[in-house]
């Protein structure tokens, strides 16, 4: 456990040091241009959850586990995810026996893996209302792909997994249609206590479990550091699209088709986004969350002026 901690600490130092290195080439932008670029960057990243319409993030300690052919590679990826999570301000479990909530699987048959998940643990795929949508969601479409099971946490801290399947006894509500009426039983209903405020209603979306599947056939020869950074990003934030080529350089451009903004790993913009995500109020509505993330990223990047990342 001491070796793992030391490894994670070393990764954290290397990540922060690399992102703090002086740029090879300066890019001059106005304040308005910077704001516009950051706003587009944030909008491309955001994927609100189905039930609350808010951005999900971890509120319990992450406990990643990596399965690959090499124990050294597995340890490297797990340590990298933890180090980047710590740099972002995300909670990281310090227990050696924590229950894995991020499963990273390197496999030559990712579709078989997801078929098994759909059959045995369908909620791991994410929120879906029909079997046909669940089948579509379980289809592997990218060489690296993630599936997110989320929870809704209400004003009093009650947690419910986001699922269209019946997971509990249902709800009972008073019957106001007449005198001495029996309460109304709603077998599939759930409820959440809120403030009623449209800005911050007291509910928040959080991650419960994430699966990241890596197709080793399609990614043979890929730079492993870049790959680990990409996995870390998918493990800490749910992205709206894996195909968008972002104007501000980002590690997620790595698999975007025909993208001219590819970089060697996580960039200052990626880390600024993650730090903003894990710094905002989680119970605000989506438009306020997006604005807060943009404000925080802009403030961070003004302290460290935007620069051209080293492309490849």
C-alpha atoms as a PDB file:
ATOM      1  CA  UNK A   1       0.000   0.000   0.000  1.00  0.00           C
ATOM      2  CA  UNK A   2       2.964   2.308   0.728  1.00  0.00           C
ATOM      3  CA  UNK A   3       4.363   1.648  -2.751  1.00  0.00           C
ATOM      4  CA  UNK A   4       0.984   2.387  -4.349  1.00  0.00           C
ATOM      5  CA  UNK A   5       0.678   5.676  -2.447  1.00  0.00           C
ATOM      6  CA  UNK A   6       4.203   6.691  -3.395  1.00  0.00           C
ATOM      7  CA  UNK A   7       3.492   5.845  -7.036  1.00  0.00           C
ATOM      8  CA  UNK A   8       0.278   7.887  -7.029  1.00  0.00           C
ATOM      9  CA  UNK A   9       2.026  10.831  -5.393  1.00  0.00           C
ATOM     10  CA  UNK A  10       4.770  10.701  -8.015  1.00  0.00           C
ATOM     11  CA  UNK A  11       2.176  10.649 -10.796  1.00  0.00           C
ATOM     12  CA  UNK A  12       0.419  13.663  -9.242  1.00  0.00           C
ATOM     13  CA  UNK A  13       3.660  15.637  -9.114  1.00  0.00           C
ATOM     14  CA  UNK A  14       4.545  14.679 -12.703  1.00  0.00           C
ATOM     15  CA  UNK A  15       1.094  15.656 -13.981  1.00  0.00           C
ATOM     16  CA  UNK A  16       1.083  19.055 -12.289  1.00  0.00           C
ATOM     17  CA  UNK A  17       4.697  19.694 -13.324  1.00  0.00           C
ATOM     18  CA  UNK A  18       3.998  18.805 -16.955  1.00  0.00           C
ATOM     19  CA  UNK A  19       0.957  21.061 -17.091  1.00  0.00           C
ATOM     20  CA  UNK A  20       2.978  23.889 -15.559  1.00  0.00           C
ATOM     21  CA  UNK A  21       5.808  23.714 -18.106  1.00  0.00           C
ATOM     22  CA  UNK A  22       6.332  26.859 -20.178  1.00  0.00           C
ATOM     23  CA  UNK A  23       4.636  26.508 -23.584  1.00  0.00           C
ATOM     24  CA  UNK A  24       6.519  25.980 -26.796  1.00  0.00           C
ATOM     25  CA  UNK A  25       4.442  28.572 -28.580  1.00  0.00           C
ATOM     26  CA  UNK A  26       2.241  31.411 -27.307  1.00  0.00           C
ATOM     27  CA  UNK A  27      -1.300  32.040 -28.475  1.00  0.00           C
ATOM     28  CA  UNK A  28      -2.655  35.550 -28.008  1.00  0.00           C
ATOM     29  CA  UNK A  29      -6.405  35.797 -27.477  1.00  0.00           C
ATOM     30  CA  UNK A  30      -8.683  38.553 -26.261  1.00  0.00           C
ATOM     31  CA  UNK A  31     -10.794  38.202 -23.126  1.00  0.00           C
ATOM     32  CA  UNK A  32     -13.938  37.770 -25.245  1.00  0.00           C
ATOM     33  CA  UNK A  33     -12.298  35.108 -27.421  1.00  0.00           C
ATOM     34  CA  UNK A  34     -11.070  33.222 -24.375  1.00  0.00           C
ATOM     35  CA  UNK A  35     -14.541  33.255 -22.844  1.00  0.00           C
ATOM     36  CA  UNK A  36     -16.113  32.022 -26.088  1.00  0.00           C
ATOM     37  CA  UNK A  37     -13.582  29.186 -26.504  1.00  0.00           C
ATOM     38  CA  UNK A  38     -14.025  28.049 -22.925  1.00  0.00           C
ATOM     39  CA  UNK A  39     -17.823  28.186 -23.211  1.00  0.00           C
ATOM     40  CA  UNK A  40     -17.752  25.972 -26.330  1.00  0.00           C
ATOM     41  CA  UNK A  41     -15.307  23.618 -24.634  1.00  0.00           C
ATOM     42  CA  UNK A  42     -17.595  23.246 -21.614  1.00  0.00           C
ATOM     43  CA  UNK A  43     -20.710  22.714 -23.744  1.00  0.00           C
ATOM     44  CA  UNK A  44     -18.981  19.935 -25.687  1.00  0.00           C
ATOM     45  CA  UNK A  45     -18.013  18.219 -22.453  1.00  0.00           C
ATOM     46  CA  UNK A  46     -21.317  18.375 -20.605  1.00  0.00           C
ATOM     47  CA  UNK A  47     -23.657  15.358 -20.658  1.00  0.00           C
ATOM     48  CA  UNK A  48     -26.489  15.983 -18.152  1.00  0.00           C
ATOM     49  CA  UNK A  49     -28.126  13.012 -16.464  1.00  0.00           C
ATOM     50  CA  UNK A  50     -31.571  11.838 -17.503  1.00  0.00           C
ATOM     51  CA  UNK A  51     -33.414  12.348 -14.211  1.00  0.00           C
ATOM     52  CA  UNK A  52     -32.084  15.607 -12.749  1.00  0.00           C
ATOM     53  CA  UNK A  53     -30.708  17.170 -15.914  1.00  0.00           C
ATOM     54  CA  UNK A  54     -27.545  18.070 -14.000  1.00  0.00           C
ATOM     55  CA  UNK A  55     -23.864  17.209 -14.383  1.00  0.00           C
ATOM     56  CA  UNK A  56     -22.765  14.103 -12.528  1.00  0.00           C
ATOM     57  CA  UNK A  57     -19.516  13.781 -10.611  1.00  0.00           C
ATOM     58  CA  UNK A  58     -18.059  11.612  -7.860  1.00  0.00           C
ATOM     59  CA  UNK A  59     -19.028  12.509  -4.293  1.00  0.00           C
ATOM     60  CA  UNK A  60     -17.632   9.314  -2.744  1.00  0.00           C
ATOM     61  CA  UNK A  61     -14.033   8.159  -2.948  1.00  0.00           C
ATOM     62  CA  UNK A  62     -13.139   6.659  -6.286  1.00  0.00           C
ATOM     63  CA  UNK A  63     -11.795   3.102  -6.173  1.00  0.00           C
ATOM     64  CA  UNK A  64     -10.546   2.186  -9.658  1.00  0.00           C
ATOM     65  CA  UNK A  65      -9.467  -1.299 -10.672  1.00  0.00           C
ATOM     66  CA  UNK A  66      -7.774  -2.124 -13.970  1.00  0.00           C
ATOM     67  CA  UNK A  67      -7.826  -5.484 -15.710  1.00  0.00           C
ATOM     68  CA  UNK A  68      -5.243  -6.037 -18.443  1.00  0.00           C
ATOM     69  CA  UNK A  69      -2.716  -8.626 -19.578  1.00  0.00           C
ATOM     70  CA  UNK A  70       0.110  -6.991 -17.639  1.00  0.00           C
ATOM     71  CA  UNK A  71       0.025  -6.382 -13.848  1.00  0.00           C
ATOM     72  CA  UNK A  72       2.446  -3.488 -14.353  1.00  0.00           C
ATOM     73  CA  UNK A  73       0.166  -1.851 -16.920  1.00  0.00           C
ATOM     74  CA  UNK A  74      -2.852  -2.342 -14.668  1.00  0.00           C
ATOM     75  CA  UNK A  75      -1.057  -0.739 -11.712  1.00  0.00           C
ATOM     76  CA  UNK A  76       0.092   2.152 -13.903  1.00  0.00           C
ATOM     77  CA  UNK A  77      -3.406   2.994 -15.171  1.00  0.00           C
ATOM     78  CA  UNK A  78      -4.998   2.693 -11.727  1.00  0.00           C
ATOM     79  CA  UNK A  79      -2.356   4.957 -10.183  1.00  0.00           C
ATOM     80  CA  UNK A  80      -2.714   7.459 -13.025  1.00  0.00           C
ATOM     81  CA  UNK A  81      -6.488   7.712 -12.562  1.00  0.00           C
ATOM     82  CA  UNK A  82      -6.057   8.270  -8.820  1.00  0.00           C
ATOM     83  CA  UNK A  83      -3.360  10.899  -9.323  1.00  0.00           C
ATOM     84  CA  UNK A  84      -5.399  12.889 -11.842  1.00  0.00           C
ATOM     85  CA  UNK A  85      -8.472  12.610  -9.604  1.00  0.00           C
ATOM     86  CA  UNK A  86      -6.453  14.047  -6.708  1.00  0.00           C
ATOM     87  CA  UNK A  87      -5.152  16.865  -8.926  1.00  0.00           C
ATOM     88  CA  UNK A  88      -8.736  17.641  -9.958  1.00  0.00           C
ATOM     89  CA  UNK A  89     -10.031  17.721  -6.392  1.00  0.00           C
ATOM     90  CA  UNK A  90     -12.159  14.594  -6.806  1.00  0.00           C
ATOM     91  CA  UNK A  91     -12.518  12.299  -3.781  1.00  0.00           C
ATOM     92  CA  UNK A  92     -10.156   9.311  -3.758  1.00  0.00           C
ATOM     93  CA  UNK A  93     -10.573   6.332  -1.435  1.00  0.00           C
ATOM     94  CA  UNK A  94      -7.540   5.676   0.761  1.00  0.00           C
ATOM     95  CA  UNK A  95      -8.710   2.184   1.712  1.00  0.00           C
ATOM     96  CA  UNK A  96      -6.705  -0.752   0.383  1.00  0.00           C
ATOM     97  CA  UNK A  97      -9.865  -2.881   0.524  1.00  0.00           C
ATOM     98  CA  UNK A  98     -12.314  -0.408  -1.042  1.00  0.00           C
ATOM     99  CA  UNK A  99     -15.042  -1.761  -3.298  1.00  0.00           C
ATOM    100  CA  UNK A 100     -14.190  -0.947  -6.944  1.00  0.00           C
ATOM    101  CA  UNK A 101     -16.539   1.639  -8.457  1.00  0.00           C
ATOM    102  CA  UNK A 102     -14.502   2.274 -11.628  1.00  0.00           C
ATOM    103  CA  UNK A 103     -13.766  -0.866 -13.644  1.00  0.00           C
ATOM    104  CA  UNK A 104     -11.244  -0.399 -16.450  1.00  0.00           C
ATOM    105  CA  UNK A 105     -11.045  -3.412 -18.752  1.00  0.00           C
ATOM    106  CA  UNK A 106      -8.504  -3.932 -21.539  1.00  0.00           C
ATOM    107  CA  UNK A 107      -9.978  -6.567 -23.837  1.00  0.00           C
ATOM    108  CA  UNK A 108      -9.886  -7.861 -27.406  1.00  0.00           C
ATOM    109  CA  UNK A 109     -13.648  -8.504 -27.250  1.00  0.00           C
ATOM    110  CA  UNK A 110     -15.303  -5.390 -25.769  1.00  0.00           C
ATOM    111  CA  UNK A 111     -18.708  -6.215 -27.269  1.00  0.00           C
ATOM    112  CA  UNK A 112     -18.786  -9.591 -25.527  1.00  0.00           C
ATOM    113  CA  UNK A 113     -17.992  -7.777 -22.283  1.00  0.00           C
ATOM    114  CA  UNK A 114     -20.901  -5.374 -22.752  1.00  0.00           C
ATOM    115  CA  UNK A 115     -23.270  -8.152 -23.785  1.00  0.00           C
ATOM    116  CA  UNK A 116     -22.499  -9.807 -20.473  1.00  0.00           C
ATOM    117  CA  UNK A 117     -23.077  -6.539 -18.598  1.00  0.00           C
ATOM    118  CA  UNK A 118     -26.415  -6.033 -20.354  1.00  0.00           C
ATOM    119  CA  UNK A 119     -27.484  -9.534 -19.380  1.00  0.00           C
ATOM    120  CA  UNK A 120     -26.341  -9.566 -15.749  1.00  0.00           C
ATOM    121  CA  UNK A 121     -25.947  -5.936 -14.590  1.00  0.00           C
ATOM    122  CA  UNK A 122     -28.069  -3.768 -16.898  1.00  0.00           C
ATOM    123  CA  UNK A 123     -28.066  -0.722 -14.614  1.00  0.00           C
ATOM    124  CA  UNK A 124     -24.297  -0.465 -15.068  1.00  0.00           C
ATOM    125  CA  UNK A 125     -25.018   0.674 -18.630  1.00  0.00           C
ATOM    126  CA  UNK A 126     -26.810   3.825 -17.489  1.00  0.00           C
ATOM    127  CA  UNK A 127     -30.417   4.994 -17.400  1.00  0.00           C
ATOM    128  CA  UNK A 128     -32.639   3.487 -20.102  1.00  0.00           C
ATOM    129  CA  UNK A 129     -36.408   3.011 -20.254  1.00  0.00           C
ATOM    130  CA  UNK A 130     -36.782   0.189 -22.791  1.00  0.00           C
ATOM    131  CA  UNK A 131     -34.961  -3.011 -23.679  1.00  0.00           C
ATOM    132  CA  UNK A 132     -34.287  -1.728 -27.201  1.00  0.00           C
ATOM    133  CA  UNK A 133     -32.626   1.409 -25.835  1.00  0.00           C
ATOM    134  CA  UNK A 134     -30.649  -0.724 -23.407  1.00  0.00           C
ATOM    135  CA  UNK A 135     -29.427  -2.877 -26.287  1.00  0.00           C
ATOM    136  CA  UNK A 136     -28.411   0.234 -28.225  1.00  0.00           C
ATOM    137  CA  UNK A 137     -26.614   1.666 -25.195  1.00  0.00           C
ATOM    138  CA  UNK A 138     -24.679  -1.585 -24.765  1.00  0.00           C
ATOM    139  CA  UNK A 139     -23.305  -1.390 -28.312  1.00  0.00           C
ATOM    140  CA  UNK A 140     -19.575  -0.674 -28.470  1.00  0.00           C
ATOM    141  CA  UNK A 141     -18.905   2.133 -30.950  1.00  0.00           C
ATOM    142  CA  UNK A 142     -15.472   3.467 -29.932  1.00  0.00           C
ATOM    143  CA  UNK A 143     -12.056   1.960 -29.169  1.00  0.00           C
ATOM    144  CA  UNK A 144     -12.309   3.494 -25.683  1.00  0.00           C
ATOM    145  CA  UNK A 145     -15.784   3.908 -24.250  1.00  0.00           C
ATOM    146  CA  UNK A 146     -17.394   4.365 -20.849  1.00  0.00           C
ATOM    147  CA  UNK A 147     -20.768   3.514 -19.336  1.00  0.00           C
ATOM    148  CA  UNK A 148     -22.098   5.445 -16.352  1.00  0.00           C
ATOM    149  CA  UNK A 149     -24.461   4.342 -13.617  1.00  0.00           C
ATOM    150  CA  UNK A 150     -25.615   7.420 -11.733  1.00  0.00           C
ATOM    151  CA  UNK A 151     -27.503   8.189  -8.542  1.00  0.00           C
ATOM    152  CA  UNK A 152     -29.763  11.021  -7.474  1.00  0.00           C
ATOM    153  CA  UNK A 153     -29.079  12.402  -3.998  1.00  0.00           C
ATOM    154  CA  UNK A 154     -31.860  14.542  -2.533  1.00  0.00           C
ATOM    155  CA  UNK A 155     -31.970  17.399  -0.020  1.00  0.00           C
ATOM    156  CA  UNK A 156     -31.770  15.051   2.972  1.00  0.00           C
ATOM    157  CA  UNK A 157     -29.025  12.865   1.525  1.00  0.00           C
ATOM    158  CA  UNK A 158     -31.263  10.012   0.402  1.00  0.00           C
ATOM    159  CA  UNK A 159     -29.606   8.200  -2.509  1.00  0.00           C
ATOM    160  CA  UNK A 160     -31.383   6.341  -5.306  1.00  0.00           C
ATOM    161  CA  UNK A 161     -29.788   4.648  -8.297  1.00  0.00           C
ATOM    162  CA  UNK A 162     -31.106   6.160 -11.530  1.00  0.00           C
ATOM    163  CA  UNK A 163     -33.015   3.277 -13.077  1.00  0.00           C
ATOM    164  CA  UNK A 164     -36.233   2.808 -15.004  1.00  0.00           C
ATOM    165  CA  UNK A 165     -36.506  -0.666 -13.511  1.00  0.00           C
ATOM    166  CA  UNK A 166     -38.403  -1.173 -10.289  1.00  0.00           C
ATOM    167  CA  UNK A 167     -35.743  -1.192  -7.565  1.00  0.00           C
ATOM    168  CA  UNK A 168     -37.818  -0.596  -4.437  1.00  0.00           C
ATOM    169  CA  UNK A 169     -41.262  -0.923  -2.851  1.00  0.00           C
ATOM    170  CA  UNK A 170     -42.680   2.121  -4.615  1.00  0.00           C
ATOM    171  CA  UNK A 171     -44.291   5.157  -2.971  1.00  0.00           C
ATOM    172  CA  UNK A 172     -47.473   5.954  -1.090  1.00  0.00           C
ATOM    173  CA  UNK A 173     -49.196   9.331  -1.222  1.00  0.00           C
ATOM    174  CA  UNK A 174     -52.317  10.717   0.522  1.00  0.00           C
ATOM    175  CA  UNK A 175     -55.640  10.426  -1.283  1.00  0.00           C
ATOM    176  CA  UNK A 176     -57.380  13.810  -1.345  1.00  0.00           C
ATOM    177  CA  UNK A 177     -60.350  12.708  -3.453  1.00  0.00           C
ATOM    178  CA  UNK A 178     -62.722  12.239  -0.477  1.00  0.00           C
ATOM    179  CA  UNK A 179     -63.181  11.387   3.195  1.00  0.00           C
ATOM    180  CA  UNK A 180     -61.670   8.168   4.604  1.00  0.00           C
ATOM    181  CA  UNK A 181     -60.042   7.288   1.332  1.00  0.00           C
ATOM    182  CA  UNK A 182     -57.197   4.772   1.287  1.00  0.00           C
ATOM    183  CA  UNK A 183     -53.749   6.173   0.395  1.00  0.00           C
ATOM    184  CA  UNK A 184     -52.711   5.865  -3.226  1.00  0.00           C
ATOM    185  CA  UNK A 185     -49.986   3.298  -3.861  1.00  0.00           C
ATOM    186  CA  UNK A 186     -47.644   3.971  -6.767  1.00  0.00           C
ATOM    187  CA  UNK A 187     -45.614   0.752  -7.226  1.00  0.00           C
ATOM    188  CA  UNK A 188     -42.938   2.126  -9.574  1.00  0.00           C
ATOM    189  CA  UNK A 189     -42.699   5.708  -8.314  1.00  0.00           C
ATOM    190  CA  UNK A 190     -39.733   7.271  -6.557  1.00  0.00           C
ATOM    191  CA  UNK A 191     -39.453  10.641  -4.886  1.00  0.00           C
ATOM    192  CA  UNK A 192     -36.840  13.174  -3.860  1.00  0.00           C
ATOM    193  CA  UNK A 193     -37.011  15.981  -1.316  1.00  0.00           C
ATOM    194  CA  UNK A 194     -36.076  19.381  -2.769  1.00  0.00           C
ATOM    195  CA  UNK A 195     -36.024  23.034  -1.755  1.00  0.00           C
ATOM    196  CA  UNK A 196     -38.359  24.019  -4.583  1.00  0.00           C
ATOM    197  CA  UNK A 197     -35.815  26.632  -5.668  1.00  0.00           C
ATOM    198  CA  UNK A 198     -35.171  26.642  -9.418  1.00  0.00           C
ATOM    199  CA  UNK A 199     -31.525  27.707  -9.015  1.00  0.00           C
ATOM    200  CA  UNK A 200     -30.403  25.151  -6.431  1.00  0.00           C
ATOM    201  CA  UNK A 201     -33.101  22.655  -5.490  1.00  0.00           C
ATOM    202  CA  UNK A 202     -30.993  20.535  -3.140  1.00  0.00           C
ATOM    203  CA  UNK A 203     -30.732  17.479  -5.413  1.00  0.00           C
ATOM    204  CA  UNK A 204     -27.569  16.403  -7.170  1.00  0.00           C
ATOM    205  CA  UNK A 205     -26.426  13.747  -9.629  1.00  0.00           C
ATOM    206  CA  UNK A 206     -23.448  11.591  -8.701  1.00  0.00           C
ATOM    207  CA  UNK A 207     -21.638   8.630 -10.185  1.00  0.00           C
ATOM    208  CA  UNK A 208     -22.354   5.229  -8.681  1.00  0.00           C
ATOM    209  CA  UNK A 209     -20.322   2.990 -10.998  1.00  0.00           C
ATOM    210  CA  UNK A 210     -18.343   3.406 -14.227  1.00  0.00           C
ATOM    211  CA  UNK A 211     -17.120   0.816 -16.727  1.00  0.00           C
ATOM    212  CA  UNK A 212     -14.373   1.799 -19.164  1.00  0.00           C
ATOM    213  CA  UNK A 213     -13.732  -0.688 -21.983  1.00  0.00           C
ATOM    214  CA  UNK A 214     -10.505  -0.446 -23.979  1.00  0.00           C
ATOM    215  CA  UNK A 215     -10.267  -2.341 -27.275  1.00  0.00           C
ATOM    216  CA  UNK A 216      -6.664  -3.541 -27.359  1.00  0.00           C
ATOM    217  CA  UNK A 217      -6.893  -4.608 -31.005  1.00  0.00           C
ATOM    218  CA  UNK A 218      -7.829  -1.143 -32.236  1.00  0.00           C
ATOM    219  CA  UNK A 219      -5.408   0.677 -29.940  1.00  0.00           C
ATOM    220  CA  UNK A 220      -2.315  -1.454 -30.467  1.00  0.00           C
ATOM    221  CA  UNK A 221       0.757   0.776 -30.521  1.00  0.00           C
ATOM    222  CA  UNK A 222      -1.038   3.713 -28.884  1.00  0.00           C
ATOM    223  CA  UNK A 223       1.061   5.844 -26.514  1.00  0.00           C
ATOM    224  CA  UNK A 224       0.244   4.335 -23.127  1.00  0.00           C
ATOM    225  CA  UNK A 225       0.609   7.586 -21.159  1.00  0.00           C
ATOM    226  CA  UNK A 226      -1.930   9.263 -23.468  1.00  0.00           C
ATOM    227  CA  UNK A 227      -4.210   6.261 -23.160  1.00  0.00           C
ATOM    228  CA  UNK A 228      -4.080   6.384 -19.353  1.00  0.00           C
ATOM    229  CA  UNK A 229      -4.904  10.111 -19.378  1.00  0.00           C
ATOM    230  CA  UNK A 230      -7.874   9.510 -21.675  1.00  0.00           C
ATOM    231  CA  UNK A 231      -9.126   6.752 -19.367  1.00  0.00           C
ATOM    232  CA  UNK A 232      -8.758   9.090 -16.385  1.00  0.00           C
ATOM    233  CA  UNK A 233     -10.888  11.732 -18.103  1.00  0.00           C
ATOM    234  CA  UNK A 234     -13.641   9.190 -18.852  1.00  0.00           C
ATOM    235  CA  UNK A 235     -13.437   7.979 -15.247  1.00  0.00           C
ATOM    236  CA  UNK A 236     -14.013  11.430 -13.752  1.00  0.00           C
ATOM    237  CA  UNK A 237     -16.446  13.125 -16.161  1.00  0.00           C
ATOM    238  CA  UNK A 238     -19.214  12.014 -18.491  1.00  0.00           C
ATOM    239  CA  UNK A 239     -18.627  13.542 -21.916  1.00  0.00           C
ATOM    240  CA  UNK A 240     -21.324  14.535 -24.369  1.00  0.00           C
ATOM    241  CA  UNK A 241     -19.485  13.180 -27.409  1.00  0.00           C
ATOM    242  CA  UNK A 242     -16.329  11.193 -28.080  1.00  0.00           C
ATOM    243  CA  UNK A 243     -16.299  12.308 -31.714  1.00  0.00           C
ATOM    244  CA  UNK A 244     -16.119  16.089 -31.290  1.00  0.00           C
ATOM    245  CA  UNK A 245     -12.789  17.674 -32.247  1.00  0.00           C
ATOM    246  CA  UNK A 246     -12.412  20.402 -29.640  1.00  0.00           C
ATOM    247  CA  UNK A 247     -10.859  23.749 -30.569  1.00  0.00           C
ATOM    248  CA  UNK A 248      -9.046  23.978 -27.253  1.00  0.00           C
ATOM    249  CA  UNK A 249      -6.619  21.038 -27.207  1.00  0.00           C
ATOM    250  CA  UNK A 250      -7.892  18.133 -25.132  1.00  0.00           C
ATOM    251  CA  UNK A 251      -6.934  14.532 -24.526  1.00  0.00           C
ATOM    252  CA  UNK A 252     -10.393  13.517 -25.770  1.00  0.00           C
ATOM    253  CA  UNK A 253      -9.352  14.603 -29.273  1.00  0.00           C
ATOM    254  CA  UNK A 254      -7.182  11.484 -29.320  1.00  0.00           C
ATOM    255  CA  UNK A 255      -9.892   9.313 -30.880  1.00  0.00           C
ATOM    256  CA  UNK A 256     -11.919  12.032 -32.625  1.00  0.00           C
ATOM    257  CA  UNK A 257     -11.974  11.357 -36.391  1.00  0.00           C
ATOM    258  CA  UNK A 258      -9.994  13.720 -38.648  1.00  0.00           C
ATOM    259  CA  UNK A 259      -9.007  15.936 -35.721  1.00  0.00           C
ATOM    260  CA  UNK A 260      -6.087  18.313 -36.178  1.00  0.00           C
ATOM    261  CA  UNK A 261      -5.868  19.232 -32.479  1.00  0.00           C
ATOM    262  CA  UNK A 262      -4.521  15.990 -31.067  1.00  0.00           C
ATOM    263  CA  UNK A 263      -2.139  16.157 -28.144  1.00  0.00           C
ATOM    264  CA  UNK A 264       0.100  13.782 -26.206  1.00  0.00           C
ATOM    265  CA  UNK A 265      -1.976  13.659 -23.021  1.00  0.00           C
ATOM    266  CA  UNK A 266      -4.116  15.596 -20.593  1.00  0.00           C
ATOM    267  CA  UNK A 267      -3.871  19.354 -21.141  1.00  0.00           C
ATOM    268  CA  UNK A 268      -4.207  22.382 -18.907  1.00  0.00           C
ATOM    269  CA  UNK A 269      -7.738  22.815 -20.294  1.00  0.00           C
ATOM    270  CA  UNK A 270      -8.725  19.272 -19.334  1.00  0.00           C
ATOM    271  CA  UNK A 271      -7.420  19.720 -15.802  1.00  0.00           C
ATOM    272  CA  UNK A 272      -9.044  23.155 -15.509  1.00  0.00           C
ATOM    273  CA  UNK A 273     -12.371  21.598 -16.512  1.00  0.00           C
ATOM    274  CA  UNK A 274     -12.065  18.791 -13.969  1.00  0.00           C
ATOM    275  CA  UNK A 275     -11.045  21.188 -11.199  1.00  0.00           C
ATOM    276  CA  UNK A 276     -14.012  23.404 -12.043  1.00  0.00           C
ATOM    277  CA  UNK A 277     -16.391  20.429 -12.160  1.00  0.00           C
ATOM    278  CA  UNK A 278     -15.326  19.272  -8.717  1.00  0.00           C
ATOM    279  CA  UNK A 279     -15.424  22.811  -7.331  1.00  0.00           C
ATOM    280  CA  UNK A 280     -18.942  23.946  -8.266  1.00  0.00           C
ATOM    281  CA  UNK A 281     -22.156  23.497  -6.282  1.00  0.00           C
ATOM    282  CA  UNK A 282     -23.589  20.170  -7.387  1.00  0.00           C
ATOM    283  CA  UNK A 283     -27.216  21.040  -6.579  1.00  0.00           C
ATOM    284  CA  UNK A 284     -27.552  23.958  -8.996  1.00  0.00           C
ATOM    285  CA  UNK A 285     -29.501  23.632 -12.234  1.00  0.00           C
ATOM    286  CA  UNK A 286     -27.615  22.864 -15.435  1.00  0.00           C
ATOM    287  CA  UNK A 287     -27.410  26.413 -16.821  1.00  0.00           C
ATOM    288  CA  UNK A 288     -25.888  27.668 -13.571  1.00  0.00           C
ATOM    289  CA  UNK A 289     -23.508  24.708 -13.355  1.00  0.00           C
ATOM    290  CA  UNK A 290     -22.304  25.394 -16.892  1.00  0.00           C
ATOM    291  CA  UNK A 291     -21.831  29.086 -16.140  1.00  0.00           C
ATOM    292  CA  UNK A 292     -19.951  28.324 -12.918  1.00  0.00           C
ATOM    293  CA  UNK A 293     -17.609  25.880 -14.684  1.00  0.00           C
ATOM    294  CA  UNK A 294     -16.908  28.428 -17.414  1.00  0.00           C
ATOM    295  CA  UNK A 295     -16.203  31.141 -14.810  1.00  0.00           C
ATOM    296  CA  UNK A 296     -13.834  28.884 -12.874  1.00  0.00           C
ATOM    297  CA  UNK A 297     -11.996  27.753 -16.002  1.00  0.00           C
ATOM    298  CA  UNK A 298     -11.653  31.324 -17.223  1.00  0.00           C
ATOM    299  CA  UNK A 299     -10.262  32.461 -13.876  1.00  0.00           C
ATOM    300  CA  UNK A 300      -7.786  29.565 -13.765  1.00  0.00           C
ATOM    301  CA  UNK A 301      -6.593  30.102 -17.328  1.00  0.00           C
ATOM    302  CA  UNK A 302      -6.188  33.843 -16.798  1.00  0.00           C
ATOM    303  CA  UNK A 303      -3.785  33.044 -13.996  1.00  0.00           C
ATOM    304  CA  UNK A 304      -2.024  30.725 -16.432  1.00  0.00           C
ATOM    305  CA  UNK A 305      -2.472  32.172 -19.956  1.00  0.00           C
ATOM    306  CA  UNK A 306      -3.704  29.741 -22.640  1.00  0.00           C
ATOM    307  CA  UNK A 307      -0.974  28.271 -24.769  1.00  0.00           C
ATOM    308  CA  UNK A 308      -0.637  26.028 -27.766  1.00  0.00           C
ATOM    309  CA  UNK A 309      -0.257  22.450 -26.588  1.00  0.00           C
ATOM    310  CA  UNK A 310       2.347  20.303 -28.292  1.00  0.00           C
ATOM    311  CA  UNK A 311       0.404  18.591 -31.066  1.00  0.00           C
ATOM    312  CA  UNK A 312       1.177  15.311 -32.726  1.00  0.00           C
END
